[in-house]
PDB file of N, CA and C in Angstrom:
ATOM      1  N   MET A   1      46.729  29.252-220.935  1.00  0.00           N
ATOM      2  CA  MET A   1      45.277  29.789-221.320  1.00  0.00           C
ATOM      3  C   MET A   1      45.456  30.236-222.763  1.00  0.00           C
ATOM      4  N   GLY A   2      44.259  30.092-223.494  1.00  0.00           N
ATOM      5  CA  GLY A   2      44.245  30.115-224.821  1.00  0.00           C
ATOM      6  C   GLY A   2      43.914  31.543-225.093  1.00  0.00           C
ATOM      7  N   SER A   3      43.754  31.933-226.343  1.00  0.00           N
ATOM      8  CA  SER A   3      43.211  33.340-226.513  1.00  0.00           C
ATOM      9  C   SER A   3      41.874  33.805-226.154  1.00  0.00           C
ATOM     10  N   HIS A   4      41.081  32.824-226.068  1.00  0.00           N
ATOM     11  CA  HIS A   4      39.688  33.101-225.566  1.00  0.00           C
ATOM     12  C   HIS A   4      39.681  33.432-224.203  1.00  0.00           C
ATOM     13  N   GLN A   5      40.519  32.662-223.345  1.00  0.00           N
ATOM     14  CA  GLN A   5      40.660  32.947-222.136  1.00  0.00           C
ATOM     15  C   GLN A   5      41.244  34.213-221.822  1.00  0.00           C
ATOM     16  N   LEU A   6      42.573  34.848-222.580  1.00  0.00           N
ATOM     17  CA  LEU A   6      43.100  35.902-222.510  1.00  0.00           C
ATOM     18  C   LEU A   6      41.944  37.137-222.839  1.00  0.00           C
ATOM     19  N   ALA A   7      41.256  36.985-223.751  1.00  0.00           N
ATOM     20  CA  ALA A   7      39.855  37.776-224.081  1.00  0.00           C
ATOM     21  C   ALA A   7      39.009  38.105-222.913  1.00  0.00           C
ATOM     22  N   SER A   8      38.970  37.025-222.293  1.00  0.00           N
ATOM     23  CA  SER A   8      37.794  36.978-221.051  1.00  0.00           C
ATOM     24  C   SER A   8      38.502  37.853-220.057  1.00  0.00           C
ATOM     25  N   LEU A   9      39.929  37.651-219.769  1.00  0.00           N
ATOM     26  CA  LEU A   9      40.501  38.347-218.913  1.00  0.00           C
ATOM     27  C   LEU A   9      40.528  39.935-219.104  1.00  0.00           C
ATOM     28  N   ILE A  10      40.968  40.445-220.363  1.00  0.00           N
ATOM     29  CA  ILE A  10      40.952  41.680-220.657  1.00  0.00           C
ATOM     30  C   ILE A  10      39.562  42.283-220.386  1.00  0.00           C
ATOM     31  N   ARG A  11      38.443  41.531-220.999  1.00  0.00           N
ATOM     32  CA  ARG A  11      37.264  41.971-220.864  1.00  0.00           C
ATOM     33  C   ARG A  11      36.752  42.162-219.388  1.00  0.00           C
ATOM     34  N   MET A  12      37.072  41.510-218.606  1.00  0.00           N
ATOM     35  CA  MET A  12      36.917  41.284-217.160  1.00  0.00           C
ATOM     36  C   MET A  12      37.496  42.419-216.320  1.00  0.00           C
ATOM     37  N   ALA A  13      38.836  42.761-216.718  1.00  0.00           N
ATOM     38  CA  ALA A  13      39.611  43.731-216.101  1.00  0.00           C
ATOM     39  C   ALA A  13      38.946  45.201-216.542  1.00  0.00           C
ATOM     40  N   ASN A  14      38.589  45.376-217.908  1.00  0.00           N
ATOM     41  CA  ASN A  14      37.877  46.651-218.377  1.00  0.00           C
ATOM     42  C   ASN A  14      36.929  46.741-217.853  1.00  0.00           C
ATOM     43  N   GLN A  15      35.934  45.656-217.465  1.00  0.00           N
ATOM     44  CA  GLN A  15      34.539  46.025-216.978  1.00  0.00           C
ATOM     45  C   GLN A  15      34.754  46.339-215.457  1.00  0.00           C
ATOM     46  N   ILE A  16      35.589  45.708-214.660  1.00  0.00           N
ATOM     47  CA  ILE A  16      36.046  45.872-213.359  1.00  0.00           C
ATOM     48  C   ILE A  16      36.165  47.539-213.268  1.00  0.00           C
ATOM     49  N   ALA A  17      37.129  48.077-214.006  1.00  0.00           N
ATOM     50  CA  ALA A  17      37.605  49.367-214.251  1.00  0.00           C
ATOM     51  C   ALA A  17      36.224  50.261-214.360  1.00  0.00           C
ATOM     52  N   GLU A  18      35.627  50.065-215.335  1.00  0.00           N
ATOM     53  CA  GLU A  18      34.565  50.667-215.622  1.00  0.00           C
ATOM     54  C   GLU A  18      33.295  50.764-214.739  1.00  0.00           C
ATOM     55  N   ASN A  19      33.149  49.747-213.932  1.00  0.00           N
ATOM     56  CA  ASN A  19      32.183  49.643-212.850  1.00  0.00           C
ATOM     57  C   ASN A  19      32.613  50.427-211.599  1.00  0.00           C
ATOM     58  N   ASN A  20      33.769  50.791-211.561  1.00  0.00           N
ATOM     59  CA  ASN A  20      34.318  51.553-210.370  1.00  0.00           C
ATOM     60  C   ASN A  20      34.683  52.981-210.690  1.00  0.00           C
ATOM     61  N   ARG A  21      34.079  53.244-211.928  1.00  0.00           N
ATOM     62  CA  ARG A  21      34.495  54.538-212.474  1.00  0.00           C
ATOM     63  C   ARG A  21      34.164  55.839-211.489  1.00  0.00           C
ATOM     64  N   HIS A  22      33.089  55.227-210.617  1.00  0.00           N
ATOM     65  CA  HIS A  22      32.531  56.242-209.924  1.00  0.00           C
ATOM     66  C   HIS A  22      33.386  56.712-208.634  1.00  0.00           C
ATOM     67  N   VAL A  23      34.561  56.140-208.267  1.00  0.00           N
ATOM     68  CA  VAL A  23      35.490  56.376-207.193  1.00  0.00           C
ATOM     69  C   VAL A  23      36.290  57.690-207.482  1.00  0.00           C
ATOM     70  N   GLY A  24      36.573  57.934-208.775  1.00  0.00           N
ATOM     71  CA  GLY A  24      37.358  58.981-209.146  1.00  0.00           C
ATOM     72  C   GLY A  24      38.122  58.750-210.507  1.00  0.00           C
ATOM     73  N   ASP A  25      39.192  59.673-210.358  1.00  0.00           N
ATOM     74  CA  ASP A  25      40.160  59.648-211.650  1.00  0.00           C
ATOM     75  C   ASP A  25      40.721  58.135-211.726  1.00  0.00           C
ATOM     76  N   ASP A  26      41.531  57.969-212.991  1.00  0.00           N
ATOM     77  CA  ASP A  26      42.100  56.682-213.188  1.00  0.00           C
ATOM     78  C   ASP A  26      42.903  56.205-211.913  1.00  0.00           C
ATOM     79  N   ALA A  27      43.578  56.903-211.298  1.00  0.00           N
ATOM     80  CA  ALA A  27      44.556  56.666-210.228  1.00  0.00           C
ATOM     81  C   ALA A  27      43.724  55.835-209.310  1.00  0.00           C
ATOM     82  N   ALA A  28      42.558  56.396-208.811  1.00  0.00           N
ATOM     83  CA  ALA A  28      41.841  56.046-207.755  1.00  0.00           C
ATOM     84  C   ALA A  28      40.881  54.550-208.191  1.00  0.00           C
ATOM     85  N   VAL A  29      40.415  54.664-209.453  1.00  0.00           N
ATOM     86  CA  VAL A  29      39.762  53.341-210.136  1.00  0.00           C
ATOM     87  C   VAL A  29      40.788  52.346-210.084  1.00  0.00           C
ATOM     88  N   ALA A  30      42.097  52.565-210.519  1.00  0.00           N
ATOM     89  CA  ALA A  30      43.263  51.759-210.756  1.00  0.00           C
ATOM     90  C   ALA A  30      43.402  50.866-209.161  1.00  0.00           C
ATOM     91  N   HIS A  31      43.430  51.871-208.138  1.00  0.00           N
ATOM     92  CA  HIS A  31      43.708  51.400-207.140  1.00  0.00           C
ATOM     93  C   HIS A  31      42.447  50.385-206.609  1.00  0.00           C
ATOM     94  N   VAL A  32      41.387  50.543-206.810  1.00  0.00           N
ATOM     95  CA  VAL A  32      40.369  49.697-206.478  1.00  0.00           C
ATOM     96  C   VAL A  32      40.344  48.417-207.483  1.00  0.00           C
ATOM     97  N   VAL A  33      40.733  48.697-208.758  1.00  0.00           N
ATOM     98  CA  VAL A  33      40.633  47.376-209.477  1.00  0.00           C
ATOM     99  C   VAL A  33      41.832  46.487-209.080  1.00  0.00           C
ATOM    100  N   SER A  34      43.095  47.165-208.728  1.00  0.00           N
ATOM    101  CA  SER A  34      44.110  46.332-208.303  1.00  0.00           C
ATOM    102  C   SER A  34      43.985  45.366-206.935  1.00  0.00           C
ATOM    103  N   GLY A  35      43.221  46.299-206.020  1.00  0.00           N
ATOM    104  CA  GLY A  35      42.898  45.442-205.002  1.00  0.00           C
ATOM    105  C   GLY A  35      42.036  44.184-205.219  1.00  0.00           C
ATOM    106  N   HIS A  36      40.950  44.308-206.081  1.00  0.00           N
ATOM    107  CA  HIS A  36      39.994  43.466-206.555  1.00  0.00           C
ATOM    108  C   HIS A  36      40.763  42.323-207.284  1.00  0.00           C
ATOM    109  N   LEU A  37      41.695  42.600-208.091  1.00  0.00           N
ATOM    110  CA  LEU A  37      42.266  41.529-208.818  1.00  0.00           C
ATOM    111  C   LEU A  37      43.356  40.842-207.679  1.00  0.00           C
ATOM    112  N   SER A  38      43.905  41.492-206.871  1.00  0.00           N
ATOM    113  CA  SER A  38      44.887  40.741-205.909  1.00  0.00           C
ATOM    114  C   SER A  38      43.928  39.806-205.073  1.00  0.00           C
ATOM    115  N   ARG A  39      43.037  40.266-204.669  1.00  0.00           N
ATOM    116  CA  ARG A  39      42.162  39.388-203.799  1.00  0.00           C
ATOM    117  C   ARG A  39      41.434  38.285-204.587  1.00  0.00           C
ATOM    118  N   PHE A  40      40.880  38.386-205.731  1.00  0.00           N
ATOM    119  CA  PHE A  40      39.962  37.472-206.280  1.00  0.00           C
ATOM    120  C   PHE A  40      40.488  36.705-207.622  1.00  0.00           C
ATOM    121  N   TRP A  41      41.601  37.243-208.041  1.00  0.00           N
ATOM    122  CA  TRP A  41      41.852  36.401-209.520  1.00  0.00           C
ATOM    123  C   TRP A  41      43.118  35.519-208.945  1.00  0.00           C
ATOM    124  N   ALA A  42      43.028  34.308-209.702  1.00  0.00           N
ATOM    125  CA  ALA A  42      43.976  33.412-209.183  1.00  0.00           C
ATOM    126  C   ALA A  42      45.375  33.795-209.931  1.00  0.00           C
ATOM    127  N   ARG A  43      46.470  33.159-209.397  1.00  0.00           N
ATOM    128  CA  ARG A  43      47.754  33.560-209.502  1.00  0.00           C
ATOM    129  C   ARG A  43      47.967  33.519-211.102  1.00  0.00           C
ATOM    130  N   SER A  44      47.462  32.309-211.751  1.00  0.00           N
ATOM    131  CA  SER A  44      47.646  32.352-213.259  1.00  0.00           C
ATOM    132  C   SER A  44      47.007  33.351-214.038  1.00  0.00           C
ATOM    133  N   MET A  45      45.881  33.836-213.518  1.00  0.00           N
ATOM    134  CA  MET A  45      45.057  34.821-214.047  1.00  0.00           C
ATOM    135  C   MET A  45      45.813  36.124-214.213  1.00  0.00           C
ATOM    136  N   LYS A  46      46.418  36.432-213.014  1.00  0.00           N
ATOM    137  CA  LYS A  46      47.111  37.624-212.754  1.00  0.00           C
ATOM    138  C   LYS A  46      48.481  37.766-213.632  1.00  0.00           C
ATOM    139  N   GLN A  47      49.095  36.642-213.744  1.00  0.00           N
ATOM    140  CA  GLN A  47      50.391  36.323-214.315  1.00  0.00           C
ATOM    141  C   GLN A  47      50.164  36.506-216.134  1.00  0.00           C
ATOM    142  N   GLN A  48      48.892  35.985-216.543  1.00  0.00           N
ATOM    143  CA  GLN A  48      48.386  36.079-217.846  1.00  0.00           C
ATOM    144  C   GLN A  48      48.183  37.534-218.334  1.00  0.00           C
ATOM    145  N   ILE A  49      47.340  38.150-217.430  1.00  0.00           N
ATOM    146  CA  ILE A  49      47.260  39.555-217.804  1.00  0.00           C
ATOM    147  C   ILE A  49      48.369  40.521-217.627  1.00  0.00           C
ATOM    148  N   GLN A  50      49.238  40.153-216.971  1.00  0.00           N
ATOM    149  CA  GLN A  50      50.537  40.958-216.682  1.00  0.00           C
ATOM    150  C   GLN A  50      51.330  40.642-217.863  1.00  0.00           C
ATOM    151  N   ALA A  51      51.387  39.380-218.227  1.00  0.00           N
ATOM    152  CA  ALA A  51      51.979  39.252-219.540  1.00  0.00           C
ATOM    153  C   ALA A  51      51.568  39.904-220.550  1.00  0.00           C
ATOM    154  N   TYR A  52      50.242  40.080-220.732  1.00  0.00           N
ATOM    155  CA  TYR A  52      49.643  40.839-221.748  1.00  0.00           C
ATOM    156  C   TYR A  52      50.067  42.113-221.875  1.00  0.00           C
ATOM    157  N   LEU A  53      50.082  42.734-220.752  1.00  0.00           N
ATOM    158  CA  LEU A  53      50.491  44.279-220.534  1.00  0.00           C
ATOM    159  C   LEU A  53      51.693  44.622-220.687  1.00  0.00           C
ATOM    160  N   GLU A  54      52.718  43.715-220.438  1.00  0.00           N
ATOM    161  CA  GLU A  54      53.954  43.700-220.727  1.00  0.00           C
ATOM    162  C   GLU A  54      54.200  43.744-222.319  1.00  0.00           C
ATOM    163  N   ALA A  55      53.459  42.890-222.998  1.00  0.00           N
ATOM    164  CA  ALA A  55      53.542  42.795-224.238  1.00  0.00           C
ATOM    165  C   ALA A  55      52.649  43.802-225.258  1.00  0.00           C
ATOM    166  N   GLY A  56      52.127  44.994-224.396  1.00  0.00           N
ATOM    167  CA  GLY A  56      51.649  46.115-225.130  1.00  0.00           C
ATOM    168  C   GLY A  56      50.134  46.401-224.604  1.00  0.00           C
ATOM    169  N   GLY A  57      49.446  45.655-224.303  1.00  0.00           N
ATOM    170  CA  GLY A  57      48.258  45.577-223.639  1.00  0.00           C
ATOM    171  C   GLY A  57      47.162  46.566-224.157  1.00  0.00           C
ATOM    172  N   GLU A  58      47.214  46.469-225.476  1.00  0.00           N
ATOM    173  CA  GLU A  58      46.444  47.741-226.468  1.00  0.00           C
ATOM    174  C   GLU A  58      45.098  47.642-226.039  1.00  0.00           C
ATOM    175  N   GLU A  59      44.488  46.649-225.653  1.00  0.00           N
ATOM    176  CA  GLU A  59      43.063  46.385-225.428  1.00  0.00           C
ATOM    177  C   GLU A  59      42.369  46.660-224.028  1.00  0.00           C
ATOM    178  N   LEU A  60      43.655  47.183-223.225  1.00  0.00           N
ATOM    179  CA  LEU A  60      43.345  47.457-222.014  1.00  0.00           C
ATOM    180  C   LEU A  60      42.880  48.992-221.852  1.00  0.00           C
ATOM    181  N   ASN A  61      41.739  49.212-220.853  1.00  0.00           N
ATOM    182  CA  ASN A  61      41.725  50.725-220.687  1.00  0.00           C
ATOM    183  C   ASN A  61      42.623  51.246-219.855  1.00  0.00           C
ATOM    184  N   PRO A  62      42.890  52.699-219.664  1.00  0.00           N
ATOM    185  CA  PRO A  62      44.039  53.211-218.924  1.00  0.00           C
ATOM    186  C   PRO A  62      43.990  52.885-217.488  1.00  0.00           C
ATOM    187  N   ALA A  63      42.770  52.700-216.752  1.00  0.00           N
ATOM    188  CA  ALA A  63      42.680  52.388-215.365  1.00  0.00           C
ATOM    189  C   ALA A  63      42.930  51.017-215.210  1.00  0.00           C
ATOM    190  N   ALA A  64      42.732  49.988-215.902  1.00  0.00           N
ATOM    191  CA  ALA A  64      43.248  48.660-215.965  1.00  0.00           C
ATOM    192  C   ALA A  64      44.574  48.547-216.069  1.00  0.00           C
ATOM    193  N   ARG A  65      45.122  49.431-216.952  1.00  0.00           N
ATOM    194  CA  ARG A  65      46.575  49.169-217.178  1.00  0.00           C
ATOM    195  C   ARG A  65      47.270  49.547-215.957  1.00  0.00           C
ATOM    196  N   VAL A  66      47.031  50.694-215.376  1.00  0.00           N
ATOM    197  CA  VAL A  66      47.853  51.187-214.088  1.00  0.00           C
ATOM    198  C   VAL A  66      47.252  50.150-213.178  1.00  0.00           C
ATOM    199  N   ALA A  67      46.398  49.381-212.938  1.00  0.00           N
ATOM    200  CA  ALA A  67      45.823  48.671-211.990  1.00  0.00           C
ATOM    201  C   ALA A  67      46.825  47.415-212.020  1.00  0.00           C
ATOM    202  N   ILE A  68      46.906  46.623-213.348  1.00  0.00           N
ATOM    203  CA  ILE A  68      47.857  45.628-213.608  1.00  0.00           C
ATOM    204  C   ILE A  68      49.472  45.687-213.368  1.00  0.00           C
ATOM    205  N   ALA A  69      49.523  47.077-213.914  1.00  0.00           N
ATOM    206  CA  ALA A  69      51.038  47.596-213.521  1.00  0.00           C
ATOM    207  C   ALA A  69      51.293  47.470-211.910  1.00  0.00           C
ATOM    208  N   GLN A  70      50.165  47.596-210.980  1.00  0.00           N
ATOM    209  CA  GLN A  70      50.416  47.680-209.865  1.00  0.00           C
ATOM    210  C   GLN A  70      50.484  46.381-209.106  1.00  0.00           C
ATOM    211  N   LEU A  71      49.954  45.223-209.566  1.00  0.00           N
ATOM    212  CA  LEU A  71      50.045  43.898-208.999  1.00  0.00           C
ATOM    213  C   LEU A  71      51.425  43.685-208.764  1.00  0.00           C
TER     214      LEU A  71
END
């Protein structure tokens, strides 16, 4: 995946987290986001975003960071 594709994954993970903000605190949101990513993202997408998180993941919001760490 190129940098444009990674940027899209980051944007999508953050949007999923923001769209689920209504469920509660970051831990609750992260649980929902983690489930979503597990069910709907391809293995390659999850591997790419996990590698990004391991490299610092500076553009991910807090709930997205926790969700990706839970994968």
